[in-house]
N, C-alpha and C. Protein backbone atom coordinates (compact mmCIF):
# COMPACT_ATOMS: atom_id res chain seq x y z
N MET A 1 150.33 190.87 3.96
CA MET A 1 150.03 189.87 4.97
C MET A 1 150.39 190.43 6.35
N SER A 2 149.64 190.01 7.36
CA SER A 2 149.84 190.54 8.71
C SER A 2 150.86 189.70 9.48
N TRP A 3 151.31 190.25 10.60
CA TRP A 3 152.24 189.53 11.46
C TRP A 3 151.60 188.25 11.98
N ALA A 4 150.30 188.26 12.23
CA ALA A 4 149.61 187.09 12.76
C ALA A 4 149.63 185.93 11.75
N PHE A 5 149.48 186.25 10.49
CA PHE A 5 149.53 185.22 9.45
C PHE A 5 150.89 184.53 9.45
N TYR A 6 151.96 185.34 9.49
CA TYR A 6 153.32 184.78 9.52
C TYR A 6 153.58 184.03 10.81
N ALA A 7 153.05 184.50 11.92
CA ALA A 7 153.20 183.80 13.19
C ALA A 7 152.51 182.44 13.13
N PHE A 8 151.33 182.39 12.49
CA PHE A 8 150.63 181.12 12.35
C PHE A 8 151.42 180.15 11.48
N LEU A 9 151.97 180.65 10.37
CA LEU A 9 152.80 179.80 9.52
C LEU A 9 154.01 179.29 10.30
N SER A 10 154.59 180.14 11.13
CA SER A 10 155.70 179.72 11.96
C SER A 10 155.29 178.56 12.86
N ALA A 11 154.11 178.66 13.46
CA ALA A 11 153.61 177.60 14.33
C ALA A 11 153.41 176.29 13.56
N VAL A 12 152.85 176.39 12.35
CA VAL A 12 152.63 175.19 11.53
C VAL A 12 153.96 174.51 11.23
N PHE A 13 154.96 175.29 10.80
CA PHE A 13 156.24 174.69 10.46
C PHE A 13 157.02 174.24 11.68
N ALA A 14 156.83 174.89 12.82
CA ALA A 14 157.45 174.43 14.06
C ALA A 14 156.86 173.08 14.46
N ALA A 15 155.56 172.92 14.28
CA ALA A 15 154.92 171.64 14.58
C ALA A 15 155.44 170.54 13.65
N LEU A 16 155.55 170.86 12.37
CA LEU A 16 156.11 169.88 11.43
C LEU A 16 157.56 169.56 11.77
N THR A 17 158.30 170.56 12.23
CA THR A 17 159.69 170.35 12.64
C THR A 17 159.77 169.27 13.71
N ALA A 18 158.89 169.34 14.70
CA ALA A 18 158.91 168.36 15.78
C ALA A 18 158.66 166.95 15.26
N ILE A 19 157.67 166.81 14.40
CA ILE A 19 157.33 165.48 13.88
C ILE A 19 158.43 164.95 12.98
N LEU A 20 158.88 165.79 12.04
CA LEU A 20 159.94 165.35 11.11
C LEU A 20 161.24 165.07 11.85
N ALA A 21 161.57 165.89 12.84
CA ALA A 21 162.80 165.68 13.60
C ALA A 21 162.72 164.40 14.42
N LYS A 22 161.58 164.12 15.02
CA LYS A 22 161.41 162.89 15.81
C LYS A 22 161.67 161.67 14.94
N ILE A 23 161.15 161.70 13.72
CA ILE A 23 161.40 160.60 12.79
C ILE A 23 162.88 160.57 12.41
N GLY A 24 163.46 161.75 12.19
CA GLY A 24 164.85 161.84 11.74
C GLY A 24 165.89 161.45 12.77
N VAL A 25 165.60 161.59 14.06
CA VAL A 25 166.61 161.27 15.07
C VAL A 25 166.54 159.83 15.55
N ARG A 26 165.69 159.05 14.95
CA ARG A 26 165.54 157.65 15.37
C ARG A 26 166.83 156.85 15.22
N SER A 27 167.58 157.11 14.16
CA SER A 27 168.74 156.25 13.89
C SER A 27 170.04 157.02 13.75
N VAL A 28 170.10 158.22 14.32
CA VAL A 28 171.33 159.01 14.23
C VAL A 28 171.50 159.81 15.52
N ASP A 29 172.72 160.10 15.88
CA ASP A 29 173.00 160.92 17.04
C ASP A 29 172.30 162.27 16.90
N SER A 30 171.74 162.76 17.99
CA SER A 30 170.97 164.01 17.93
C SER A 30 171.84 165.20 17.52
N ASN A 31 173.12 165.19 17.87
CA ASN A 31 174.00 166.29 17.46
C ASN A 31 174.28 166.25 15.96
N VAL A 32 174.39 165.05 15.41
CA VAL A 32 174.56 164.92 13.96
C VAL A 32 173.30 165.42 13.25
N ALA A 33 172.15 165.05 13.80
CA ALA A 33 170.87 165.50 13.22
C ALA A 33 170.79 167.03 13.25
N THR A 34 171.20 167.63 14.35
CA THR A 34 171.18 169.08 14.47
C THR A 34 172.12 169.72 13.46
N ALA A 35 173.29 169.13 13.28
CA ALA A 35 174.26 169.67 12.31
C ALA A 35 173.71 169.62 10.89
N ILE A 36 173.07 168.51 10.54
CA ILE A 36 172.47 168.39 9.20
C ILE A 36 171.38 169.45 9.03
N ARG A 37 170.53 169.57 10.02
CA ARG A 37 169.46 170.57 9.97
C ARG A 37 170.04 171.97 9.81
N THR A 38 171.11 172.25 10.52
CA THR A 38 171.74 173.57 10.47
C THR A 38 172.29 173.87 9.08
N VAL A 39 172.89 172.89 8.44
CA VAL A 39 173.42 173.08 7.09
C VAL A 39 172.28 173.38 6.12
N VAL A 40 171.18 172.65 6.25
CA VAL A 40 170.03 172.89 5.39
C VAL A 40 169.50 174.32 5.59
N ILE A 41 169.38 174.73 6.83
CA ILE A 41 168.89 176.08 7.13
C ILE A 41 169.87 177.13 6.60
N LEU A 42 171.16 176.87 6.76
CA LEU A 42 172.19 177.79 6.26
C LEU A 42 172.06 177.99 4.75
N ILE A 43 171.96 176.91 4.02
CA ILE A 43 171.82 176.99 2.57
C ILE A 43 170.50 177.70 2.20
N PHE A 44 169.44 177.35 2.89
CA PHE A 44 168.12 177.93 2.63
C PHE A 44 168.14 179.44 2.88
N ALA A 45 168.65 179.86 4.03
CA ALA A 45 168.66 181.28 4.39
C ALA A 45 169.56 182.08 3.44
N TRP A 46 170.74 181.58 3.16
CA TRP A 46 171.64 182.29 2.24
C TRP A 46 171.06 182.36 0.83
N GLY A 47 170.40 181.29 0.42
CA GLY A 47 169.75 181.31 -0.89
C GLY A 47 168.71 182.40 -0.99
N ILE A 48 167.93 182.57 0.06
CA ILE A 48 166.89 183.61 0.07
C ILE A 48 167.52 185.00 -0.03
N ILE A 49 168.53 185.29 0.81
CA ILE A 49 169.08 186.65 0.78
C ILE A 49 169.88 186.91 -0.49
N LEU A 50 170.45 185.87 -1.10
CA LEU A 50 171.15 186.07 -2.37
C LEU A 50 170.16 186.39 -3.48
N VAL A 51 169.05 185.66 -3.51
CA VAL A 51 168.04 185.89 -4.54
C VAL A 51 167.40 187.28 -4.36
N GLN A 52 167.12 187.66 -3.13
CA GLN A 52 166.50 188.95 -2.85
C GLN A 52 167.48 190.11 -2.99
N GLY A 53 168.76 189.82 -2.90
CA GLY A 53 169.76 190.89 -2.96
C GLY A 53 169.97 191.59 -1.62
N SER A 54 169.35 191.09 -0.57
CA SER A 54 169.46 191.76 0.73
C SER A 54 170.77 191.46 1.45
N TYR A 55 171.61 190.62 0.87
CA TYR A 55 172.92 190.33 1.46
C TYR A 55 173.77 191.60 1.57
N LYS A 56 173.47 192.61 0.78
CA LYS A 56 174.24 193.86 0.81
C LYS A 56 174.13 194.56 2.16
N GLN A 57 173.04 194.32 2.88
CA GLN A 57 172.85 194.93 4.19
C GLN A 57 173.89 194.46 5.20
N MET A 58 174.48 193.29 4.96
CA MET A 58 175.44 192.73 5.91
C MET A 58 176.59 193.68 6.19
N PHE A 59 176.95 194.49 5.22
CA PHE A 59 178.11 195.37 5.36
C PHE A 59 177.79 196.67 6.09
N THR A 60 176.52 196.85 6.45
CA THR A 60 176.13 198.09 7.13
C THR A 60 175.49 197.84 8.49
N ILE A 61 175.56 196.60 8.96
CA ILE A 61 174.95 196.26 10.25
C ILE A 61 175.80 196.85 11.38
N PRO A 62 175.20 197.63 12.26
CA PRO A 62 175.95 198.17 13.40
C PRO A 62 176.47 197.05 14.31
N ARG A 63 177.60 197.28 14.95
CA ARG A 63 178.22 196.26 15.80
C ARG A 63 177.29 195.79 16.91
N PHE A 64 176.56 196.73 17.52
CA PHE A 64 175.64 196.38 18.60
C PHE A 64 174.58 195.40 18.09
N THR A 65 174.03 195.68 16.93
CA THR A 65 173.04 194.80 16.32
C THR A 65 173.65 193.45 16.00
N LEU A 66 174.83 193.46 15.43
CA LEU A 66 175.53 192.22 15.08
C LEU A 66 175.79 191.37 16.32
N LEU A 67 176.20 192.01 17.41
CA LEU A 67 176.45 191.29 18.66
C LEU A 67 175.19 190.53 19.08
N PHE A 68 174.04 191.19 19.05
CA PHE A 68 172.82 190.52 19.50
C PHE A 68 172.33 189.48 18.51
N LEU A 69 172.61 189.66 17.24
CA LEU A 69 172.27 188.62 16.26
C LEU A 69 173.14 187.38 16.48
N VAL A 70 174.41 187.59 16.79
CA VAL A 70 175.32 186.47 17.07
C VAL A 70 174.87 185.76 18.35
N LEU A 71 174.56 186.52 19.40
CA LEU A 71 174.08 185.90 20.64
C LEU A 71 172.78 185.13 20.41
N SER A 72 171.90 185.68 19.59
CA SER A 72 170.66 185.00 19.24
C SER A 72 170.96 183.69 18.49
N GLY A 73 171.94 183.72 17.60
CA GLY A 73 172.33 182.51 16.88
C GLY A 73 172.88 181.44 17.81
N ILE A 74 173.67 181.85 18.78
CA ILE A 74 174.20 180.89 19.77
C ILE A 74 173.05 180.30 20.57
N SER A 75 172.13 181.15 20.99
CA SER A 75 170.97 180.69 21.74
C SER A 75 170.13 179.70 20.91
N THR A 76 169.94 180.02 19.64
CA THR A 76 169.20 179.12 18.75
C THR A 76 169.90 177.78 18.62
N GLY A 77 171.20 177.81 18.43
CA GLY A 77 171.98 176.58 18.30
C GLY A 77 171.86 175.70 19.53
N LEU A 78 171.97 176.31 20.71
CA LEU A 78 171.81 175.55 21.94
C LEU A 78 170.40 174.99 22.06
N SER A 79 169.42 175.79 21.71
CA SER A 79 168.04 175.33 21.75
C SER A 79 167.85 174.11 20.86
N TRP A 80 168.38 174.17 19.66
CA TRP A 80 168.23 173.05 18.73
C TRP A 80 168.93 171.81 19.25
N LEU A 81 170.13 171.95 19.78
CA LEU A 81 170.86 170.79 20.30
C LEU A 81 170.06 170.10 21.41
N PHE A 82 169.55 170.90 22.35
CA PHE A 82 168.78 170.33 23.45
C PHE A 82 167.45 169.77 22.98
N TYR A 83 166.82 170.44 22.02
CA TYR A 83 165.54 169.99 21.50
C TYR A 83 165.67 168.63 20.80
N PHE A 84 166.67 168.51 19.95
CA PHE A 84 166.85 167.25 19.23
C PHE A 84 167.19 166.11 20.18
N ARG A 85 167.98 166.40 21.20
CA ARG A 85 168.31 165.36 22.19
C ARG A 85 167.05 164.96 22.95
N ALA A 86 166.24 165.93 23.34
CA ALA A 86 164.99 165.63 24.03
C ALA A 86 164.06 164.80 23.15
N LEU A 87 163.98 165.15 21.86
CA LEU A 87 163.15 164.37 20.94
C LEU A 87 163.66 162.94 20.79
N GLN A 88 164.98 162.79 20.81
CA GLN A 88 165.55 161.46 20.68
C GLN A 88 165.20 160.60 21.89
N LEU A 89 165.12 161.23 23.06
CA LEU A 89 164.88 160.49 24.30
C LEU A 89 163.40 160.38 24.69
N GLY A 90 162.59 161.33 24.24
CA GLY A 90 161.20 161.36 24.68
C GLY A 90 160.20 161.39 23.54
N GLU A 91 158.94 161.36 23.92
CA GLU A 91 157.86 161.41 22.94
C GLU A 91 157.68 162.86 22.45
N ALA A 92 157.47 163.01 21.15
CA ALA A 92 157.29 164.35 20.57
C ALA A 92 156.11 165.07 21.21
N SER A 93 155.06 164.33 21.54
CA SER A 93 153.86 164.94 22.13
C SER A 93 154.09 165.43 23.56
N ARG A 94 155.21 165.04 24.17
CA ARG A 94 155.56 165.52 25.50
C ARG A 94 156.71 166.53 25.44
N VAL A 95 157.61 166.32 24.50
CA VAL A 95 158.76 167.22 24.36
C VAL A 95 158.30 168.59 23.83
N ALA A 96 157.47 168.58 22.80
CA ALA A 96 157.06 169.83 22.16
C ALA A 96 156.36 170.79 23.12
N PRO A 97 155.43 170.32 23.97
CA PRO A 97 154.81 171.27 24.90
C PRO A 97 155.82 171.92 25.86
N ILE A 98 156.77 171.15 26.34
CA ILE A 98 157.78 171.73 27.22
C ILE A 98 158.61 172.75 26.45
N ASP A 99 158.97 172.41 25.22
CA ASP A 99 159.71 173.34 24.38
C ASP A 99 158.92 174.63 24.18
N LYS A 100 157.61 174.50 24.07
CA LYS A 100 156.78 175.68 23.83
C LYS A 100 156.61 176.53 25.09
N LEU A 101 157.15 176.07 26.21
CA LEU A 101 157.22 176.96 27.37
C LEU A 101 158.11 178.16 27.05
N SER A 102 158.80 178.07 25.93
CA SER A 102 159.58 179.23 25.47
C SER A 102 158.65 180.44 25.30
N LEU A 103 157.40 180.20 24.98
CA LEU A 103 156.42 181.28 24.89
C LEU A 103 156.25 181.98 26.24
N VAL A 104 156.10 181.19 27.28
CA VAL A 104 155.95 181.73 28.63
C VAL A 104 157.22 182.49 29.02
N LEU A 105 158.36 181.88 28.77
CA LEU A 105 159.63 182.53 29.11
C LEU A 105 159.84 183.80 28.29
N THR A 106 159.42 183.79 27.04
CA THR A 106 159.54 184.99 26.21
C THR A 106 158.71 186.12 26.79
N ILE A 107 157.51 185.81 27.23
CA ILE A 107 156.65 186.85 27.82
C ILE A 107 157.30 187.41 29.09
N ILE A 108 157.84 186.54 29.91
CA ILE A 108 158.51 186.99 31.14
C ILE A 108 159.74 187.83 30.80
N PHE A 109 160.58 187.34 29.89
CA PHE A 109 161.79 188.09 29.51
C PHE A 109 161.43 189.42 28.85
N ALA A 110 160.37 189.41 28.03
CA ALA A 110 159.95 190.66 27.37
C ALA A 110 159.54 191.70 28.40
N ALA A 111 158.87 191.25 29.44
CA ALA A 111 158.47 192.18 30.50
C ALA A 111 159.68 192.68 31.28
N LEU A 112 160.60 191.78 31.61
CA LEU A 112 161.75 192.15 32.43
C LEU A 112 162.82 192.92 31.65
N ILE A 113 163.12 192.47 30.46
CA ILE A 113 164.24 193.04 29.70
C ILE A 113 163.79 194.16 28.76
N LEU A 114 162.70 193.90 28.04
CA LEU A 114 162.22 194.87 27.06
C LEU A 114 161.19 195.84 27.63
N LYS A 115 160.81 195.62 28.87
CA LYS A 115 159.83 196.48 29.56
C LYS A 115 158.47 196.50 28.87
N GLU A 116 158.09 195.38 28.25
CA GLU A 116 156.77 195.28 27.64
C GLU A 116 155.74 195.09 28.75
N LYS A 117 154.56 195.68 28.55
CA LYS A 117 153.52 195.63 29.57
C LYS A 117 152.82 194.28 29.58
N LEU A 118 152.53 193.81 30.78
CA LEU A 118 151.76 192.59 30.96
C LEU A 118 150.32 192.97 31.31
N THR A 119 149.40 192.54 30.48
CA THR A 119 147.98 192.78 30.76
C THR A 119 147.43 191.59 31.54
N VAL A 120 146.26 191.74 32.07
CA VAL A 120 145.61 190.64 32.78
C VAL A 120 145.43 189.45 31.83
N ALA A 121 145.02 189.73 30.61
CA ALA A 121 144.82 188.66 29.63
C ALA A 121 146.11 187.89 29.37
N VAL A 122 147.22 188.61 29.27
CA VAL A 122 148.51 187.95 29.02
C VAL A 122 148.92 187.10 30.22
N VAL A 123 148.74 187.63 31.42
CA VAL A 123 149.09 186.88 32.63
C VAL A 123 148.23 185.62 32.76
N VAL A 124 146.93 185.76 32.54
CA VAL A 124 146.03 184.60 32.64
C VAL A 124 146.37 183.59 31.54
N GLY A 125 146.55 184.05 30.32
CA GLY A 125 146.91 183.16 29.22
C GLY A 125 148.22 182.44 29.47
N THR A 126 149.20 183.14 29.98
CA THR A 126 150.50 182.54 30.30
C THR A 126 150.35 181.48 31.38
N ALA A 127 149.54 181.76 32.39
CA ALA A 127 149.30 180.78 33.45
C ALA A 127 148.61 179.53 32.88
N LEU A 128 147.66 179.74 31.97
CA LEU A 128 146.95 178.60 31.37
C LEU A 128 147.89 177.77 30.49
N ILE A 129 148.77 178.43 29.75
CA ILE A 129 149.75 177.70 28.94
C ILE A 129 150.64 176.85 29.84
N THR A 130 151.10 177.45 30.92
CA THR A 130 151.95 176.72 31.86
C THR A 130 151.21 175.53 32.46
N LEU A 131 149.98 175.76 32.89
CA LEU A 131 149.16 174.68 33.46
C LEU A 131 148.94 173.57 32.43
N GLY A 132 148.61 173.95 31.21
CA GLY A 132 148.41 172.96 30.14
C GLY A 132 149.66 172.15 29.88
N THR A 133 150.80 172.81 29.88
CA THR A 133 152.08 172.10 29.67
C THR A 133 152.32 171.10 30.79
N LEU A 134 152.08 171.50 32.02
CA LEU A 134 152.27 170.60 33.16
C LEU A 134 151.33 169.40 33.08
N ILE A 135 150.08 169.64 32.70
CA ILE A 135 149.12 168.55 32.56
C ILE A 135 149.54 167.58 31.48
N ILE A 136 149.91 168.09 30.32
CA ILE A 136 150.33 167.23 29.20
C ILE A 136 151.58 166.44 29.58
N THR A 137 152.51 167.09 30.23
CA THR A 137 153.80 166.46 30.54
C THR A 137 153.71 165.41 31.64
N PHE A 138 152.98 165.70 32.68
CA PHE A 138 153.03 164.85 33.85
C PHE A 138 151.80 163.96 34.08
N PHE A 139 150.72 164.20 33.34
CA PHE A 139 149.51 163.41 33.55
C PHE A 139 149.06 162.68 32.30
N LYS A 140 149.99 162.33 31.45
CA LYS A 140 149.64 161.64 30.20
C LYS A 140 149.47 160.16 30.44
């Protein structure tokens, strides 16, 4: 399977996450909802690596790599906390597009930090995503 197939599946499940989370945060504090979600993901992820046997790699991860995985985990946790709070306060159809501005920010960060090249198509597409997000958010 190609990276694009997995990226599409990621998008499908991210969309379902928004809908299911919006329903789930109706009657519970958003931080409690995030904690429950985190426990489920923890069990799910550990179950996968235990079944696959890839948990053995944990003992050979370089410190530099581990540092960035930990920082990524902190970033993910903060993202989830803010996302669930936003879903609790706003409409999923307005929260999700703003959340997906992470795509625009990822492209910018990738260019600045990872030195990835920006093509005309990427710049135009990024501008259109931003414009679409603004339209959905402010002109609904």
